[in-house]
Every structure is written in C-alpha cells, then in structure tokens.
C-alpha cells in the first residue's frame, strides 16, 4: 500500500501540468479520500463511474480504508501536505 501512496504523490505534479483544470479533479479525489464521512462505497462510485474489475475495486477500497483507519490529526497533516504540494512551484496551477 505504501507503493500506491508513493506513486500517487509522485504523479501529482505531472497531473497538475497536464491538467487544464488546475488539479480540481485530483483535489476532489484526495479530499474525498481524506474525508472520514465519505464511505468506501461512495469513494468507489466517485473514482469509477464505469464498471471496473474486482482487483481495481479491491485496491480502491483498501486505499480508502487506509485513510479511514487514521486519526483526525493524521488526516489534517495529510491535508496540510497536499496543500503544500499544490502550492509549490512544482505544481503551478493555471489561472
């Protein structure tokens, strides 16, 4: 699971440069992952409006569960980290 999180963090600057929307889709995905009020089922629906195989669904559920298992303090720290990444010079958002 650490590899999945690492991969996600490495791709953020790349996604920001490629995105014309200024990372709004990624913001929504990350905020939903961090938000403990979003259930695994709701998160799965957010990420996969189309049907995916059982392995993808299982990976999404495990990813969300990792955040559900964290304390409020840890979730707040993740949000601070994401804000720092999005506001860094490596992820300059378009105006």
PDB file of N, CA and C in Angstrom:
ATOM      1  N   UNK A   1       0.830  -1.188   0.000  1.00  0.00           N
ATOM      2  CA  UNK A   1       0.000   0.000   0.000  1.00  0.00           C
ATOM      3  C   UNK A   1       0.877   1.255   0.000  1.00  0.00           C
ATOM      4  N   UNK A   2       2.044   1.165   0.633  1.00  0.00           N
ATOM      5  CA  UNK A   2       2.938   2.314   0.634  1.00  0.00           C
ATOM      6  C   UNK A   2       3.360   2.669  -0.784  1.00  0.00           C
ATOM      7  N   UNK A   3       3.514   1.673  -1.619  1.00  0.00           N
ATOM      8  CA  UNK A   3       3.883   1.914  -3.010  1.00  0.00           C
ATOM      9  C   UNK A   3       2.784   2.660  -3.745  1.00  0.00           C
ATOM     10  N   UNK A   4       1.525   2.347  -3.465  1.00  0.00           N
ATOM     11  CA  UNK A   4       0.400   3.032  -4.105  1.00  0.00           C
ATOM     12  C   UNK A   4       0.394   4.506  -3.712  1.00  0.00           C
ATOM     13  N   UNK A   5       0.582   4.789  -2.417  1.00  0.00           N
ATOM     14  CA  UNK A   5       0.597   6.175  -1.946  1.00  0.00           C
ATOM     15  C   UNK A   5       1.785   6.917  -2.548  1.00  0.00           C
ATOM     16  N   UNK A   6       2.941   6.276  -2.578  1.00  0.00           N
ATOM     17  CA  UNK A   6       4.119   6.901  -3.174  1.00  0.00           C
ATOM     18  C   UNK A   6       3.884   7.228  -4.643  1.00  0.00           C
ATOM     19  N   UNK A   7       3.310   6.281  -5.381  1.00  0.00           N
ATOM     20  CA  UNK A   7       3.006   6.514  -6.792  1.00  0.00           C
ATOM     21  C   UNK A   7       2.047   7.687  -6.954  1.00  0.00           C
ATOM     22  N   UNK A   8       1.033   7.758  -6.094  1.00  0.00           N
ATOM     23  CA  UNK A   8       0.073   8.853  -6.174  1.00  0.00           C
ATOM     24  C   UNK A   8       0.765  10.190  -5.933  1.00  0.00           C
ATOM     25  N   UNK A   9       1.647  10.260  -4.940  1.00  0.00           N
ATOM     26  CA  UNK A   9       2.322  11.515  -4.630  1.00  0.00           C
ATOM     27  C   UNK A   9       3.299  11.933  -5.735  1.00  0.00           C
ATOM     28  N   UNK A  10       3.933  10.970  -6.363  1.00  0.00           N
ATOM     29  CA  UNK A  10       4.879  11.274  -7.440  1.00  0.00           C
ATOM     30  C   UNK A  10       4.146  11.804  -8.665  1.00  0.00           C
ATOM     31  N   UNK A  11       2.953  11.325  -8.915  1.00  0.00           N
ATOM     32  CA  UNK A  11       2.230  11.734 -10.122  1.00  0.00           C
ATOM     33  C   UNK A  11       1.493  13.062  -9.978  1.00  0.00           C
ATOM     34  N   UNK A  12       1.399  13.598  -8.781  1.00  0.00           N
ATOM     35  CA  UNK A  12       0.642  14.849  -8.592  1.00  0.00           C
ATOM     36  C   UNK A  12       1.204  15.998  -9.435  1.00  0.00           C
ATOM     37  N   UNK A  13       2.503  16.299  -9.369  1.00  0.00           N
ATOM     38  CA  UNK A  13       2.993  17.412 -10.206  1.00  0.00           C
ATOM     39  C   UNK A  13       2.790  17.170 -11.697  1.00  0.00           C
ATOM     40  N   UNK A  14       2.965  15.933 -12.132  1.00  0.00           N
ATOM     41  CA  UNK A  14       2.746  15.607 -13.548  1.00  0.00           C
ATOM     42  C   UNK A  14       1.301  15.844 -13.923  1.00  0.00           C
ATOM     43  N   UNK A  15       0.381  15.397 -13.087  1.00  0.00           N
ATOM     44  CA  UNK A  15      -1.040  15.579 -13.344  1.00  0.00           C
ATOM     45  C   UNK A  15      -1.397  17.058 -13.389  1.00  0.00           C
ATOM     46  N   UNK A  16      -0.802  17.836 -12.504  1.00  0.00           N
ATOM     47  CA  UNK A  16      -1.111  19.268 -12.466  1.00  0.00           C
ATOM     48  C   UNK A  16      -0.674  19.966 -13.754  1.00  0.00           C
ATOM     49  N   UNK A  17       0.507  19.608 -14.263  1.00  0.00           N
ATOM     50  CA  UNK A  17       0.966  20.209 -15.510  1.00  0.00           C
ATOM     51  C   UNK A  17       0.099  19.790 -16.684  1.00  0.00           C
ATOM     52  N   UNK A  18      -0.367  18.553 -16.683  1.00  0.00           N
ATOM     53  CA  UNK A  18      -1.152  18.047 -17.803  1.00  0.00           C
ATOM     54  C   UNK A  18      -2.594  18.513 -17.749  1.00  0.00           C
ATOM     55  N   UNK A  19      -3.050  18.898 -16.604  1.00  0.00           N
ATOM     56  CA  UNK A  19      -4.455  19.244 -16.434  1.00  0.00           C
ATOM     57  C   UNK A  19      -4.709  20.701 -16.755  1.00  0.00           C
ATOM     58  N   UNK A  20      -5.739  20.944 -17.543  1.00  0.00           N
ATOM     59  CA  UNK A  20      -6.139  22.319 -17.816  1.00  0.00           C
ATOM     60  C   UNK A  20      -7.064  22.863 -16.754  1.00  0.00           C
ATOM     61  N   UNK A  21      -7.527  21.995 -15.844  1.00  0.00           N
ATOM     62  CA  UNK A  21      -8.493  22.414 -14.830  1.00  0.00           C
ATOM     63  C   UNK A  21      -7.833  22.864 -13.543  1.00  0.00           C
ATOM     64  N   UNK A  22      -6.506  22.810 -13.452  1.00  0.00           N
ATOM     65  CA  UNK A  22      -5.832  23.254 -12.240  1.00  0.00           C
ATOM     66  C   UNK A  22      -5.976  22.290 -11.089  1.00  0.00           C
ATOM     67  N   UNK A  23      -5.981  21.014 -11.359  1.00  0.00           N
ATOM     68  CA  UNK A  23      -5.999  19.954 -10.344  1.00  0.00           C
ATOM     69  C   UNK A  23      -7.339  19.814  -9.613  1.00  0.00           C
ATOM     70  N   UNK A  24      -8.410  20.356 -10.114  1.00  0.00           N
ATOM     71  CA  UNK A  24      -9.680  20.273  -9.391  1.00  0.00           C
ATOM     72  C   UNK A  24     -10.193  18.844  -9.266  1.00  0.00           C
ATOM     73  N   UNK A  25     -10.002  18.028 -10.277  1.00  0.00           N
ATOM     74  CA  UNK A  25     -10.431  16.627 -10.201  1.00  0.00           C
ATOM     75  C   UNK A  25      -9.612  15.894  -9.156  1.00  0.00           C
ATOM     76  N   UNK A  26      -8.308  16.105  -9.189  1.00  0.00           N
ATOM     77  CA  UNK A  26      -7.432  15.459  -8.214  1.00  0.00           C
ATOM     78  C   UNK A  26      -7.731  15.959  -6.805  1.00  0.00           C
ATOM     79  N   UNK A  27      -7.996  17.251  -6.658  1.00  0.00           N
ATOM     80  CA  UNK A  27      -8.384  17.792  -5.354  1.00  0.00           C
ATOM     81  C   UNK A  27      -9.600  17.058  -4.808  1.00  0.00           C
ATOM     82  N   UNK A  28     -10.584  16.834  -5.649  1.00  0.00           N
ATOM     83  CA  UNK A  28     -11.805  16.158  -5.235  1.00  0.00           C
ATOM     84  C   UNK A  28     -11.520  14.724  -4.794  1.00  0.00           C
ATOM     85  N   UNK A  29     -10.690  14.030  -5.539  1.00  0.00           N
ATOM     86  CA  UNK A  29     -10.341  12.646  -5.203  1.00  0.00           C
ATOM     87  C   UNK A  29      -9.593  12.594  -3.874  1.00  0.00           C
ATOM     88  N   UNK A  30      -8.624  13.485  -3.692  1.00  0.00           N
ATOM     89  CA  UNK A  30      -7.834  13.494  -2.458  1.00  0.00           C
ATOM     90  C   UNK A  30      -8.681  13.918  -1.270  1.00  0.00           C
ATOM     91  N   UNK A  31      -9.474  14.965  -1.429  1.00  0.00           N
ATOM     92  CA  UNK A  31     -10.322  15.411  -0.325  1.00  0.00           C
ATOM     93  C   UNK A  31     -11.332  14.346   0.078  1.00  0.00           C
ATOM     94  N   UNK A  32     -11.843  13.611  -0.886  1.00  0.00           N
ATOM     95  CA  UNK A  32     -12.765  12.522  -0.577  1.00  0.00           C
ATOM     96  C   UNK A  32     -12.056  11.373   0.125  1.00  0.00           C
ATOM     97  N   UNK A  33     -10.806  11.129  -0.242  1.00  0.00           N
ATOM     98  CA  UNK A  33     -10.031  10.076   0.422  1.00  0.00           C
ATOM     99  C   UNK A  33      -9.757  10.450   1.868  1.00  0.00           C
ATOM    100  N   UNK A  34      -9.457  11.707   2.120  1.00  0.00           N
ATOM    101  CA  UNK A  34      -9.126  12.171   3.457  1.00  0.00           C
ATOM    102  C   UNK A  34     -10.371  12.288   4.330  1.00  0.00           C
ATOM    103  N   UNK A  35     -11.507  12.615   3.748  1.00  0.00           N
ATOM    104  CA  UNK A  35     -12.745  12.868   4.493  1.00  0.00           C
ATOM    105  C   UNK A  35     -13.298  11.572   5.092  1.00  0.00           C
ATOM    106  N   UNK A  36     -13.334  11.461   6.427  1.00  0.00           N
ATOM    107  CA  UNK A  36     -13.836  10.227   7.045  1.00  0.00           C
ATOM    108  C   UNK A  36     -15.342  10.027   6.881  1.00  0.00           C
ATOM    109  N   UNK A  37     -16.059  11.058   6.469  1.00  0.00           N
ATOM    110  CA  UNK A  37     -17.509  10.911   6.283  1.00  0.00           C
ATOM    111  C   UNK A  37     -17.858  10.267   4.936  1.00  0.00           C
ATOM    112  N   UNK A  38     -16.872  10.160   4.035  1.00  0.00           N
ATOM    113  CA  UNK A  38     -17.085   9.503   2.743  1.00  0.00           C
ATOM    114  C   UNK A  38     -16.840   8.011   2.924  1.00  0.00           C
ATOM    115  N   UNK A  39     -17.838   7.220   2.636  1.00  0.00           N
ATOM    116  CA  UNK A  39     -17.722   5.771   2.799  1.00  0.00           C
ATOM    117  C   UNK A  39     -16.917   5.150   1.663  1.00  0.00           C
ATOM    118  N   UNK A  40     -16.516   3.889   1.858  1.00  0.00           N
ATOM    119  CA  UNK A  40     -15.810   3.172   0.789  1.00  0.00           C
ATOM    120  C   UNK A  40     -16.676   3.095  -0.460  1.00  0.00           C
ATOM    121  N   UNK A  41     -17.958   2.844  -0.267  1.00  0.00           N
ATOM    122  CA  UNK A  41     -18.876   2.721  -1.406  1.00  0.00           C
ATOM    123  C   UNK A  41     -18.963   4.038  -2.181  1.00  0.00           C
ATOM    124  N   UNK A  42     -19.097   5.156  -1.456  1.00  0.00           N
ATOM    125  CA  UNK A  42     -19.171   6.464  -2.115  1.00  0.00           C
ATOM    126  C   UNK A  42     -17.864   6.791  -2.836  1.00  0.00           C
ATOM    127  N   UNK A  43     -16.748   6.434  -2.206  1.00  0.00           N
ATOM    128  CA  UNK A  43     -15.450   6.699  -2.820  1.00  0.00           C
ATOM    129  C   UNK A  43     -15.268   5.871  -4.089  1.00  0.00           C
ATOM    130  N   UNK A  44     -15.721   4.641  -4.038  1.00  0.00           N
ATOM    131  CA  UNK A  44     -15.646   3.769  -5.212  1.00  0.00           C
ATOM    132  C   UNK A  44     -16.472   4.343  -6.358  1.00  0.00           C
ATOM    133  N   UNK A  45     -17.653   4.860  -6.048  1.00  0.00           N
ATOM    134  CA  UNK A  45     -18.503   5.465  -7.077  1.00  0.00           C
ATOM    135  C   UNK A  45     -17.872   6.735  -7.649  1.00  0.00           C
ATOM    136  N   UNK A  46     -17.175   7.489  -6.805  1.00  0.00           N
ATOM    137  CA  UNK A  46     -16.512   8.710  -7.263  1.00  0.00           C
ATOM    138  C   UNK A  46     -15.391   8.387  -8.251  1.00  0.00           C
ATOM    139  N   UNK A  47     -14.616   7.351  -7.947  1.00  0.00           N
ATOM    140  CA  UNK A  47     -13.463   7.016  -8.779  1.00  0.00           C
ATOM    141  C   UNK A  47     -13.792   6.170  -9.988  1.00  0.00           C
ATOM    142  N   UNK A  48     -14.869   5.452  -9.933  1.00  0.00           N
ATOM    143  CA  UNK A  48     -15.138   4.533 -11.044  1.00  0.00           C
ATOM    144  C   UNK A  48     -16.599   4.592 -11.462  1.00  0.00           C
ATOM    145  N   UNK A  49     -16.970   5.618 -12.205  1.00  0.00           N
ATOM    146  CA  UNK A  49     -18.346   5.670 -12.679  1.00  0.00           C
ATOM    147  C   UNK A  49     -18.672   4.509 -13.620  1.00  0.00           C
ATOM    148  N   UNK A  50     -17.667   3.976 -14.286  1.00  0.00           N
ATOM    149  CA  UNK A  50     -17.842   2.798 -15.126  1.00  0.00           C
ATOM    150  C   UNK A  50     -17.458   1.577 -14.307  1.00  0.00           C
ATOM    151  N   UNK A  51     -17.907   0.434 -14.748  1.00  0.00           N
ATOM    152  CA  UNK A  51     -17.577  -0.802 -14.043  1.00  0.00           C
ATOM    153  C   UNK A  51     -16.114  -1.163 -14.276  1.00  0.00           C
ATOM    154  N   UNK A  52     -15.438  -1.514 -13.193  1.00  0.00           N
ATOM    155  CA  UNK A  52     -14.063  -1.990 -13.258  1.00  0.00           C
ATOM    156  C   UNK A  52     -14.020  -3.394 -12.705  1.00  0.00           C
ATOM    157  N   UNK A  53     -12.919  -4.060 -12.923  1.00  0.00           N
ATOM    158  CA  UNK A  53     -12.753  -5.415 -12.434  1.00  0.00           C
ATOM    159  C   UNK A  53     -12.652  -5.470 -10.915  1.00  0.00           C
ATOM    160  N   UNK A  54     -12.730  -6.661 -10.370  1.00  0.00           N
ATOM    161  CA  UNK A  54     -12.706  -6.821  -8.916  1.00  0.00           C
ATOM    162  C   UNK A  54     -11.383  -6.387  -8.286  1.00  0.00           C
ATOM    163  N   UNK A  55     -10.268  -6.483  -9.020  1.00  0.00           N
ATOM    164  CA  UNK A  55      -8.981  -6.082  -8.456  1.00  0.00           C
ATOM    165  C   UNK A  55      -8.900  -4.575  -8.265  1.00  0.00           C
ATOM    166  N   UNK A  56      -9.437  -3.821  -9.217  1.00  0.00           N
ATOM    167  CA  UNK A  56      -9.436  -2.365  -9.104  1.00  0.00           C
ATOM    168  C   UNK A  56     -10.339  -1.939  -7.955  1.00  0.00           C
ATOM    169  N   UNK A  57     -11.511  -2.528  -7.862  1.00  0.00           N
ATOM    170  CA  UNK A  57     -12.423  -2.195  -6.766  1.00  0.00           C
ATOM    171  C   UNK A  57     -11.789  -2.502  -5.413  1.00  0.00           C
ATOM    172  N   UNK A  58     -11.112  -3.637  -5.324  1.00  0.00           N
ATOM    173  CA  UNK A  58     -10.470  -4.026  -4.068  1.00  0.00           C
ATOM    174  C   UNK A  58      -9.356  -3.033  -3.715  1.00  0.00           C
ATOM    175  N   UNK A  59      -8.571  -2.617  -4.693  1.00  0.00           N
ATOM    176  CA  UNK A  59      -7.496  -1.658  -4.447  1.00  0.00           C
ATOM    177  C   UNK A  59      -8.046  -0.312  -3.987  1.00  0.00           C
ATOM    178  N   UNK A  60      -9.121   0.148  -4.606  1.00  0.00           N
ATOM    179  CA  UNK A  60      -9.742   1.423  -4.214  1.00  0.00           C
ATOM    180  C   UNK A  60     -10.271   1.329  -2.791  1.00  0.00           C
ATOM    181  N   UNK A  61     -10.923   0.224  -2.463  1.00  0.00           N
ATOM    182  CA  UNK A  61     -11.457   0.050  -1.104  1.00  0.00           C
ATOM    183  C   UNK A  61     -10.339   0.010  -0.072  1.00  0.00           C
ATOM    184  N   UNK A  62      -9.243  -0.692  -0.382  1.00  0.00           N
ATOM    185  CA  UNK A  62      -8.111  -0.746   0.553  1.00  0.00           C
ATOM    186  C   UNK A  62      -7.479   0.633   0.722  1.00  0.00           C
ATOM    187  N   UNK A  63      -7.364   1.384  -0.359  1.00  0.00           N
ATOM    188  CA  UNK A  63      -6.792   2.732  -0.298  1.00  0.00           C
ATOM    189  C   UNK A  63      -7.630   3.626   0.602  1.00  0.00           C
ATOM    190  N   UNK A  64      -8.949   3.598   0.410  1.00  0.00           N
ATOM    191  CA  UNK A  64      -9.843   4.414   1.231  1.00  0.00           C
ATOM    192  C   UNK A  64      -9.794   3.964   2.682  1.00  0.00           C
ATOM    193  N   UNK A  65      -9.743   2.639   2.909  1.00  0.00           N
ATOM    194  CA  UNK A  65      -9.711   2.126   4.276  1.00  0.00           C
ATOM    195  C   UNK A  65      -8.451   2.582   5.009  1.00  0.00           C
ATOM    196  N   UNK A  66      -7.352   2.732   4.287  1.00  0.00           N
ATOM    197  CA  UNK A  66      -6.126   3.240   4.917  1.00  0.00           C
ATOM    198  C   UNK A  66      -6.364   4.617   5.537  1.00  0.00           C
ATOM    199  N   UNK A  67      -7.102   5.457   4.854  1.00  0.00           N
ATOM    200  CA  UNK A  67      -7.408   6.781   5.391  1.00  0.00           C
ATOM    201  C   UNK A  67      -8.456   6.711   6.505  1.00  0.00           C
ATOM    202  N   UNK A  68      -9.415   5.800   6.386  1.00  0.00           N
ATOM    203  CA  UNK A  68     -10.431   5.662   7.431  1.00  0.00           C
ATOM    204  C   UNK A  68      -9.818   5.187   8.744  1.00  0.00           C
ATOM    205  N   UNK A  69      -8.712   4.465   8.673  1.00  0.00           N
ATOM    206  CA  UNK A  69      -8.053   3.935   9.868  1.00  0.00           C
ATOM    207  C   UNK A  69      -7.172   4.965  10.573  1.00  0.00           C
ATOM    208  N   UNK A  70      -6.992   6.136   9.994  1.00  0.00           N
ATOM    209  CA  UNK A  70      -6.101   7.146  10.554  1.00  0.00           C
ATOM    210  C   UNK A  70      -6.843   8.062  11.531  1.00  0.00           C
ATOM    211  N   UNK A  71      -6.061   8.693  12.416  1.00  0.00           N
ATOM    212  CA  UNK A  71      -6.627   9.652  13.369  1.00  0.00           C
ATOM    213  C   UNK A  71      -6.934  10.968  12.655  1.00  0.00           C
ATOM    214  N   UNK A  72      -7.726  11.795  13.299  1.00  0.00           N
ATOM    215  CA  UNK A  72      -8.063  13.111  12.743  1.00  0.00           C
ATOM    216  C   UNK A  72      -6.801  13.953  12.567  1.00  0.00           C
ATOM    217  N   UNK A  73      -5.853  13.816  13.504  1.00  0.00           N
ATOM    218  CA  UNK A  73      -4.603  14.567  13.421  1.00  0.00           C
ATOM    219  C   UNK A  73      -3.810  14.171  12.173  1.00  0.00           C
ATOM    220  N   UNK A  74      -3.740  12.882  11.904  1.00  0.00           N
ATOM    221  CA  UNK A  74      -3.025  12.412  10.721  1.00  0.00           C
ATOM    222  C   UNK A  74      -3.706  12.894   9.447  1.00  0.00           C
ATOM    223  N   UNK A  75      -5.045  12.836   9.412  1.00  0.00           N
ATOM    224  CA  UNK A  75      -5.770  13.307   8.232  1.00  0.00           C
ATOM    225  C   UNK A  75      -5.550  14.802   8.009  1.00  0.00           C
ATOM    226  N   UNK A  76      -5.501  15.564   9.101  1.00  0.00           N
ATOM    227  CA  UNK A  76      -5.230  17.001   8.981  1.00  0.00           C
ATOM    228  C   UNK A  76      -3.823  17.230   8.435  1.00  0.00           C
ATOM    229  N   UNK A  77      -2.870  16.421   8.879  1.00  0.00           N
ATOM    230  CA  UNK A  77      -1.495  16.549   8.378  1.00  0.00           C
ATOM    231  C   UNK A  77      -1.398  16.187   6.898  1.00  0.00           C
ATOM    232  N   UNK A  78      -2.163  15.216   6.459  1.00  0.00           N
ATOM    233  CA  UNK A  78      -2.186  14.864   5.030  1.00  0.00           C
ATOM    234  C   UNK A  78      -2.720  16.040   4.225  1.00  0.00           C
ATOM    235  N   UNK A  79      -3.753  16.693   4.735  1.00  0.00           N
ATOM    236  CA  UNK A  79      -4.311  17.853   4.032  1.00  0.00           C
ATOM    237  C   UNK A  79      -3.295  18.985   3.956  1.00  0.00           C
ATOM    238  N   UNK A  80      -2.556  19.210   5.037  1.00  0.00           N
ATOM    239  CA  UNK A  80      -1.503  20.238   5.033  1.00  0.00           C
ATOM    240  C   UNK A  80      -0.439  19.895   3.991  1.00  0.00           C
ATOM    241  N   UNK A  81      -0.052  18.614   3.937  1.00  0.00           N
ATOM    242  CA  UNK A  81       0.940  18.182   2.957  1.00  0.00           C
ATOM    243  C   UNK A  81       0.434  18.402   1.535  1.00  0.00           C
ATOM    244  N   UNK A  82      -0.821  18.056   1.269  1.00  0.00           N
ATOM    245  CA  UNK A  82      -1.375  18.221  -0.073  1.00  0.00           C
ATOM    246  C   UNK A  82      -1.437  19.699  -0.444  1.00  0.00           C
ATOM    247  N   UNK A  83      -1.802  20.550   0.504  1.00  0.00           N
ATOM    248  CA  UNK A  83      -1.816  21.988   0.231  1.00  0.00           C
ATOM    249  C   UNK A  83      -0.418  22.496  -0.107  1.00  0.00           C
ATOM    250  N   UNK A  84       0.588  22.003   0.613  1.00  0.00           N
ATOM    251  CA  UNK A  84       1.966  22.407   0.349  1.00  0.00           C
ATOM    252  C   UNK A  84       2.399  21.959  -1.046  1.00  0.00           C
ATOM    253  N   UNK A  85       1.999  20.759  -1.438  1.00  0.00           N
ATOM    254  CA  UNK A  85       2.355  20.260  -2.773  1.00  0.00           C
ATOM    255  C   UNK A  85       1.673  21.094  -3.846  1.00  0.00           C
ATOM    256  N   UNK A  86       0.376  21.345  -3.680  1.00  0.00           N
ATOM    257  CA  UNK A  86      -0.363  22.085  -4.699  1.00  0.00           C
ATOM    258  C   UNK A  86       0.093  23.533  -4.805  1.00  0.00           C
ATOM    259  N   UNK A  87       0.587  24.092  -3.711  1.00  0.00           N
ATOM    260  CA  UNK A  87       1.032  25.483  -3.738  1.00  0.00           C
ATOM    261  C   UNK A  87       2.518  25.612  -4.015  1.00  0.00           C
ATOM    262  N   UNK A  88       3.182  24.491  -4.298  1.00  0.00           N
ATOM    263  CA  UNK A  88       4.618  24.534  -4.567  1.00  0.00           C
ATOM    264  C   UNK A  88       4.878  24.969  -6.009  1.00  0.00           C
ATOM    265  N   UNK A  89       6.117  25.312  -6.271  1.00  0.00           N
ATOM    266  CA  UNK A  89       6.495  25.725  -7.627  1.00  0.00           C
ATOM    267  C   UNK A  89       6.459  24.532  -8.592  1.00  0.00           C
ATOM    268  N   UNK A  90       6.478  23.304  -8.061  1.00  0.00           N
ATOM    269  CA  UNK A  90       6.412  22.124  -8.931  1.00  0.00           C
ATOM    270  C   UNK A  90       5.002  21.863  -9.467  1.00  0.00           C
ATOM    271  N   UNK A  91       4.028  22.500  -8.879  1.00  0.00           N
ATOM    272  CA  UNK A  91       2.638  22.265  -9.292  1.00  0.00           C
ATOM    273  C   UNK A  91       1.950  23.604  -9.503  1.00  0.00           C
ATOM    274  N   UNK A  92       2.441  24.356 -10.444  1.00  0.00           N
ATOM    275  CA  UNK A  92       1.856  25.660 -10.714  1.00  0.00           C
ATOM    276  C   UNK A  92       0.539  25.468 -11.449  1.00  0.00           C
ATOM    277  N   UNK A  93      -0.520  25.968 -10.849  1.00  0.00           N
ATOM    278  CA  UNK A  93      -1.836  25.804 -11.432  1.00  0.00           C
ATOM    279  C   UNK A  93      -2.103  26.914 -12.438  1.00  0.00           C
ATOM    280  N   UNK A  94      -2.815  26.542 -13.483  1.00  0.00           N
ATOM    281  CA  UNK A  94      -3.156  27.557 -14.495  1.00  0.00           C
ATOM    282  C   UNK A  94      -4.239  28.467 -13.968  1.00  0.00           C
ATOM    283  N   UNK A  95      -4.247  29.686 -14.446  1.00  0.00           N
ATOM    284  CA  UNK A  95      -5.246  30.658 -13.993  1.00  0.00           C
ATOM    285  C   UNK A  95      -6.473  30.623 -14.834  1.00  0.00           C
TER     286      UNK A  95
END
